[in-house]
Protein backbone atom coordinates (compact mmCIF):
# COMPACT_ATOMS: atom_id res chain seq x y z
CA MET A 1 0.28 27.24 -1.31
CA GLU A 2 2.80 24.46 -1.29
CA PRO A 3 1.11 21.29 -3.12
CA ARG A 4 -0.22 17.97 -0.90
CA THR A 5 2.53 15.30 -1.25
CA VAL A 6 1.97 11.66 -2.16
CA LEU A 7 4.33 8.80 -1.48
CA ILE A 8 3.13 5.50 -3.59
CA THR A 9 4.78 2.52 -3.49
CA GLY A 10 5.01 0.32 -6.87
CA SER A 11 3.89 2.95 -9.01
CA THR A 12 6.68 2.48 -11.63
CA ASP A 13 4.01 0.77 -13.60
CA GLY A 14 0.30 -1.26 -13.55
CA ILE A 15 -2.14 0.95 -10.56
CA GLY A 16 0.87 2.28 -9.25
CA ARG A 17 2.13 4.27 -12.49
CA ALA A 18 -1.48 5.05 -13.54
CA THR A 19 -2.66 6.50 -9.59
CA ALA A 20 0.93 8.51 -9.60
CA ARG A 21 0.51 10.19 -13.55
CA ALA A 22 -3.34 11.26 -12.55
CA LEU A 23 -2.18 12.85 -8.71
CA ALA A 24 0.37 14.21 -10.94
CA ALA A 25 -1.53 16.59 -13.50
CA ALA A 26 -4.09 16.93 -10.31
CA GLY A 27 -1.12 19.07 -8.94
CA MET A 28 0.02 17.20 -6.07
CA LYS A 29 3.64 16.13 -5.64
CA VAL A 30 4.27 12.78 -6.62
CA ILE A 31 7.18 10.26 -4.67
CA LEU A 32 7.23 7.48 -7.38
CA HIS A 33 8.86 4.21 -5.40
CA GLY A 34 10.45 0.52 -7.25
CA ARG A 35 12.35 -1.91 -6.86
CA THR A 36 15.44 -0.41 -8.81
CA LYS A 37 16.85 3.07 -9.54
CA PRO A 38 16.88 2.90 -13.11
CA LYS A 39 13.09 1.97 -13.31
CA VAL A 40 12.25 4.35 -11.03
CA ASP A 41 14.71 7.07 -13.33
CA ALA A 42 12.68 6.03 -16.19
CA VAL A 43 9.32 6.36 -15.14
CA LEU A 44 10.34 9.62 -13.82
CA GLU A 45 11.66 10.72 -17.47
CA GLN A 46 8.33 9.71 -18.86
CA LEU A 47 5.85 10.98 -16.57
CA THR A 48 7.98 14.94 -16.71
CA GLY A 49 7.71 13.98 -20.53
CA GLU A 50 3.93 13.57 -20.32
CA LEU A 51 3.28 16.07 -17.30
CA PRO A 52 5.77 19.12 -17.86
CA GLY A 53 5.74 21.06 -14.75
CA ALA A 54 4.51 18.41 -12.34
CA GLU A 55 6.41 17.94 -9.32
CA LEU A 56 7.68 14.90 -9.26
CA GLU A 57 10.18 13.04 -7.37
CA GLY A 58 11.90 8.94 -7.24
CA ILE A 59 12.86 6.78 -4.49
CA SER A 60 14.06 2.97 -4.84
CA PHE A 61 14.21 0.44 -2.29
CA ASP A 62 13.11 -3.49 -2.14
CA LEU A 63 10.09 -3.96 -0.08
CA GLY A 64 11.46 -7.35 0.24
CA SER A 65 14.11 -5.94 2.80
CA GLN A 66 13.11 -4.27 5.88
CA ALA A 67 16.55 -2.96 6.34
CA ALA A 68 16.31 -1.39 2.71
CA ILE A 69 13.13 -0.05 4.45
CA ARG A 70 14.60 1.63 6.96
CA LYS A 71 17.32 3.02 4.73
CA GLY A 72 14.03 4.35 2.35
CA ALA A 73 11.78 5.83 4.47
CA ALA A 74 15.26 7.69 6.30
CA ALA A 75 15.72 8.90 2.77
CA ILE A 76 12.14 10.35 2.67
CA LEU A 77 12.17 11.77 5.52
CA GLU A 78 15.49 13.61 5.19
CA ARG A 79 14.30 14.53 1.71
CA ILE A 80 10.13 15.14 2.16
CA PRO A 81 9.40 18.12 5.00
CA HIS A 82 5.64 17.20 4.71
CA LEU A 83 3.99 13.93 3.71
CA HIS A 84 0.15 14.22 3.52
CA VAL A 85 -0.53 10.63 1.88
CA LEU A 86 0.66 7.37 1.51
CA ILE A 87 -0.57 4.83 -1.05
CA ASN A 88 0.73 1.11 0.18
CA ASN A 89 0.04 0.11 -3.70
CA ALA A 90 2.92 -3.15 -4.20
CA GLY A 91 2.41 -6.13 -4.68
CA ILE A 92 2.93 -9.74 -5.50
CA PHE A 93 1.90 -12.81 -6.12
CA ALA A 94 4.42 -15.64 -5.42
CA THR A 95 4.41 -19.13 -6.75
CA GLU A 96 6.98 -20.70 -4.98
CA ARG A 97 7.96 -20.37 -0.89
CA THR A 98 10.49 -18.12 -0.56
CA LEU A 99 12.06 -16.35 3.12
CA THR A 100 13.35 -13.25 3.47
CA ASP A 101 16.46 -12.57 5.08
CA GLU A 102 14.50 -12.31 7.78
CA GLY A 103 12.79 -15.57 7.68
CA VAL A 104 9.98 -14.11 6.43
CA GLU A 105 7.80 -15.76 3.40
CA LEU A 106 8.04 -13.33 1.16
CA THR A 107 4.45 -12.41 -0.14
CA PHE A 108 3.82 -11.77 3.52
CA ALA A 109 6.76 -10.05 3.89
CA VAL A 110 6.27 -7.51 0.83
CA ASN A 111 2.62 -7.19 1.01
CA HIS A 112 2.14 -6.76 4.54
CA LEU A 113 5.40 -6.14 6.39
CA ALA A 114 6.60 -3.60 4.09
CA PRO A 115 3.33 -1.47 4.82
CA PHE A 116 3.07 -2.00 8.03
CA LEU A 117 6.83 -0.70 8.72
CA ILE A 118 6.62 2.23 6.32
CA THR A 119 3.65 3.38 7.89
CA GLU A 120 5.18 3.27 11.48
CA LEU A 121 8.29 4.69 10.32
CA LEU A 122 6.42 7.36 8.33
CA ALA A 123 3.63 8.23 10.58
CA GLU A 124 4.70 10.89 12.57
CA ARG A 125 5.62 12.70 9.85
CA MET A 126 2.46 12.46 8.55
CA ILE A 127 0.84 13.28 11.29
CA THR A 128 2.46 16.71 11.44
CA SER A 129 1.93 17.10 8.32
CA ALA A 130 -2.04 17.30 9.17
CA VAL A 131 -3.05 20.93 9.61
CA ASP A 132 -5.81 21.48 6.96
CA ALA A 133 -7.17 17.72 6.96
CA PRO A 134 -6.36 14.36 8.07
CA SER A 135 -3.13 12.83 6.37
CA ARG A 136 -4.35 9.35 4.42
CA VAL A 137 -3.03 5.94 4.35
CA ILE A 138 -4.50 3.88 1.55
CA ASN A 139 -3.99 0.06 1.61
CA VAL A 140 -4.70 -1.04 -2.23
CA SER A 141 -6.23 -4.84 -0.85
CA SER A 142 -7.75 -7.42 -3.01
CA ILE A 143 -11.38 -9.20 -3.16
CA ALA A 144 -9.48 -11.98 -2.19
CA HIS A 145 -9.34 -10.88 1.40
CA THR A 146 -12.45 -12.80 1.72
CA ARG A 147 -10.77 -16.07 1.40
CA GLY A 148 -7.85 -14.85 3.56
CA ARG A 149 -7.02 -16.30 7.27
CA ILE A 150 -4.29 -15.22 9.35
CA HIS A 151 -2.20 -18.25 10.28
CA GLU A 152 -1.26 -16.97 14.05
CA ASP A 153 0.79 -19.86 14.44
CA ASP A 154 2.38 -20.28 10.85
CA LEU A 155 2.27 -16.98 9.21
CA SER A 156 4.79 -17.78 6.77
CA LEU A 157 3.22 -20.90 5.64
CA ALA A 158 5.65 -23.68 6.21
CA LYS A 159 2.95 -26.11 6.60
CA ALA A 160 0.42 -24.91 4.29
CA PHE A 161 1.79 -22.69 1.15
CA THR A 162 0.42 -22.17 -1.86
CA GLY A 163 0.50 -19.07 -3.85
CA TYR A 164 -3.06 -17.84 -3.37
CA ALA A 165 -3.35 -18.44 0.34
CA ALA A 166 -0.44 -16.42 1.26
CA TYR A 167 -1.69 -13.93 -1.13
CA ALA A 168 -5.09 -13.73 0.29
CA GLN A 169 -3.81 -13.71 3.64
CA SER A 170 -1.79 -10.48 2.60
CA LYS A 171 -4.31 -9.22 1.32
CA LEU A 172 -6.48 -9.96 4.33
CA ALA A 173 -3.70 -8.02 6.59
CA ASN A 174 -3.79 -5.02 4.25
CA VAL A 175 -7.58 -4.21 5.19
CA MET A 176 -7.00 -5.68 8.53
CA HIS A 177 -3.84 -2.72 8.68
CA ALA A 178 -5.81 0.20 8.19
CA ILE A 179 -9.32 -1.23 10.46
CA SER A 180 -6.50 -1.13 13.50
CA LEU A 181 -4.58 2.32 12.20
CA SER A 182 -8.19 4.00 12.55
CA GLU A 183 -8.85 2.69 15.80
CA LYS A 184 -5.00 3.58 17.06
CA HIS A 185 -4.99 7.16 15.46
CA GLU A 186 -7.38 10.53 15.82
CA ALA A 187 -9.22 10.72 12.91
CA SER A 188 -8.22 14.25 12.94
CA LYS A 189 -4.69 13.88 12.11
CA LEU A 190 -4.46 9.94 10.48
CA VAL A 191 -7.27 8.10 8.77
CA ALA A 192 -6.64 4.70 6.61
CA TYR A 193 -8.47 2.96 3.69
CA SER A 194 -8.25 -0.14 2.39
CA LEU A 195 -9.70 -1.00 -1.23
CA HIS A 196 -10.54 -3.92 -4.11
CA PRO A 197 -9.65 -1.98 -7.33
CA GLY A 198 -11.15 -4.31 -9.32
CA VAL A 199 -10.04 -7.15 -11.81
CA ILE A 200 -7.49 -5.11 -13.50
CA GLY A 201 -5.08 -6.79 -16.13
CA THR A 202 -1.79 -6.09 -14.40
CA LYS A 203 1.26 -7.89 -13.94
CA LEU A 204 0.19 -9.72 -10.53
CA LEU A 205 -2.87 -10.58 -12.19
CA ARG A 206 -1.43 -12.60 -15.14
CA GLN A 207 0.91 -14.41 -12.38
CA GLY A 208 -1.32 -15.08 -10.05
CA PHE A 209 -4.45 -15.75 -11.99
CA GLY A 210 -3.67 -17.30 -15.67
CA PRO A 211 -4.77 -15.97 -18.66
CA VAL A 212 -7.53 -13.49 -16.99
CA THR A 213 -9.14 -10.72 -18.58
CA GLY A 214 -9.28 -7.68 -16.56
CA GLY A 215 -10.20 -3.85 -16.54
CA SER A 216 -7.67 -0.76 -17.68
CA THR A 217 -4.83 -0.06 -14.84
CA GLU A 218 -6.92 3.63 -15.60
CA SER A 219 -10.07 2.17 -13.93
CA GLY A 220 -8.25 -0.06 -11.20
CA ALA A 221 -6.40 3.25 -9.73
CA THR A 222 -9.97 5.25 -9.34
CA THR A 223 -10.64 4.69 -6.28
CA SER A 224 -6.82 5.24 -5.22
CA ILE A 225 -6.71 8.53 -6.59
CA ARG A 226 -10.29 9.48 -5.38
CA LEU A 227 -9.24 9.05 -1.91
CA ALA A 228 -5.96 10.29 -1.86
CA GLY A 229 -6.84 13.60 -4.11
CA ALA A 230 -10.09 14.97 -2.38
CA ILE A 231 -9.74 17.75 -0.38
CA SER A 232 -11.70 15.90 2.30
CA VAL A 233 -13.40 11.93 2.43
CA ASP A 234 -16.58 11.80 4.02
CA ASP A 235 -16.12 7.55 4.28
CA PRO A 236 -14.99 6.70 8.32
CA SER A 237 -11.42 6.07 8.86
CA GLY A 238 -10.93 2.17 8.18
CA THR A 239 -14.01 2.35 5.13
CA TYR A 240 -13.04 -1.07 2.90
CA PHE A 241 -13.75 0.00 -1.03
CA SER A 242 -14.83 -2.50 -3.23
CA ASP A 243 -14.85 -1.15 -6.63
CA GLY A 244 -14.99 1.97 -6.02
CA SER A 245 -17.98 1.75 -2.68
CA ALA A 246 -18.01 1.52 0.30
CA THR A 247 -18.56 -2.10 1.48
CA PRO A 248 -18.38 -4.13 4.64
CA PRO A 249 -14.93 -6.24 4.92
CA SER A 250 -15.05 -10.36 5.54
CA SER A 251 -16.07 -11.41 9.12
CA THR A 252 -12.42 -12.20 9.48
CA ALA A 253 -11.43 -8.44 8.95
CA ARG A 254 -13.31 -7.58 11.55
CA ASP A 255 -12.28 -9.64 14.53
CA ALA A 256 -10.51 -7.44 17.17
CA LYS A 257 -9.01 -10.02 18.71
CA VAL A 258 -7.54 -11.30 14.86
CA ARG A 259 -6.30 -8.04 13.93
CA GLU A 260 -4.99 -7.62 17.85
CA ALA A 261 -2.66 -10.88 16.95
CA LEU A 262 -1.65 -9.33 13.61
CA TRP A 263 -0.52 -6.28 15.03
CA ALA A 264 1.66 -7.58 17.59
CA ALA A 265 2.89 -10.60 15.05
CA SER A 266 3.65 -7.54 12.63
CA VAL A 267 5.39 -5.64 15.66
CA ARG A 268 7.68 -8.53 16.70
CA LEU A 269 8.51 -9.49 12.58
CA THR A 270 9.66 -5.84 12.62
CA HIS A 271 11.28 -5.28 15.62
CA GLY A 272 9.09 -2.35 16.09
């Protein structure tokens, strides 16, 4: 039987790498993603050495460029006939306000618009791959979403930028994206989840929150591994998990009008 295939963004280090290693060891075909080809190739070589016989491939493109995302998604569709799981794991914490070539604040672009666009570009392939079980989109969010607000008239935070405000808004958007996907797709074909992995000692934690002691990347990968690797998931599509447990997300995340506005803005900003 052909192994199930998973694409994990930001899987050259941290939680993403730990997730990729565990799923490859469990027998899934893993597509590693990173921003640069040398980094992806290096991790491919490392994991191939650690896991003889594992099915691993790599793809590199910049999540801060929508043109690069479209090119990367096209390459994936050309190379990968079936895609069962997409883990939107990559994320950044920017301390300075920077705009992408599309004029979008970088945190919002990488943390939300990139997962939104990748999911839309790959959704049809994922749906057609759902034969024995629904395909899955898994958004790695954060408990910081509970302090986030969707600045509907200023998503790039031209008037109110702080690194934390941008990060919290983007993580709220991750949760809302998963809920919206659950409402827009038949659960027999495509389900979506979001999660807080815990306070994990990653590069992002150090960049955004200073000298904070966090857990291991392996512990941070636990929920993603379970949701991606299980043959079936009992929790309903749209569920948010905090430290592995199904947990109600913030009241803002459950606001249907704000979710609809975010979806419309995301379509507009990605020229969908």
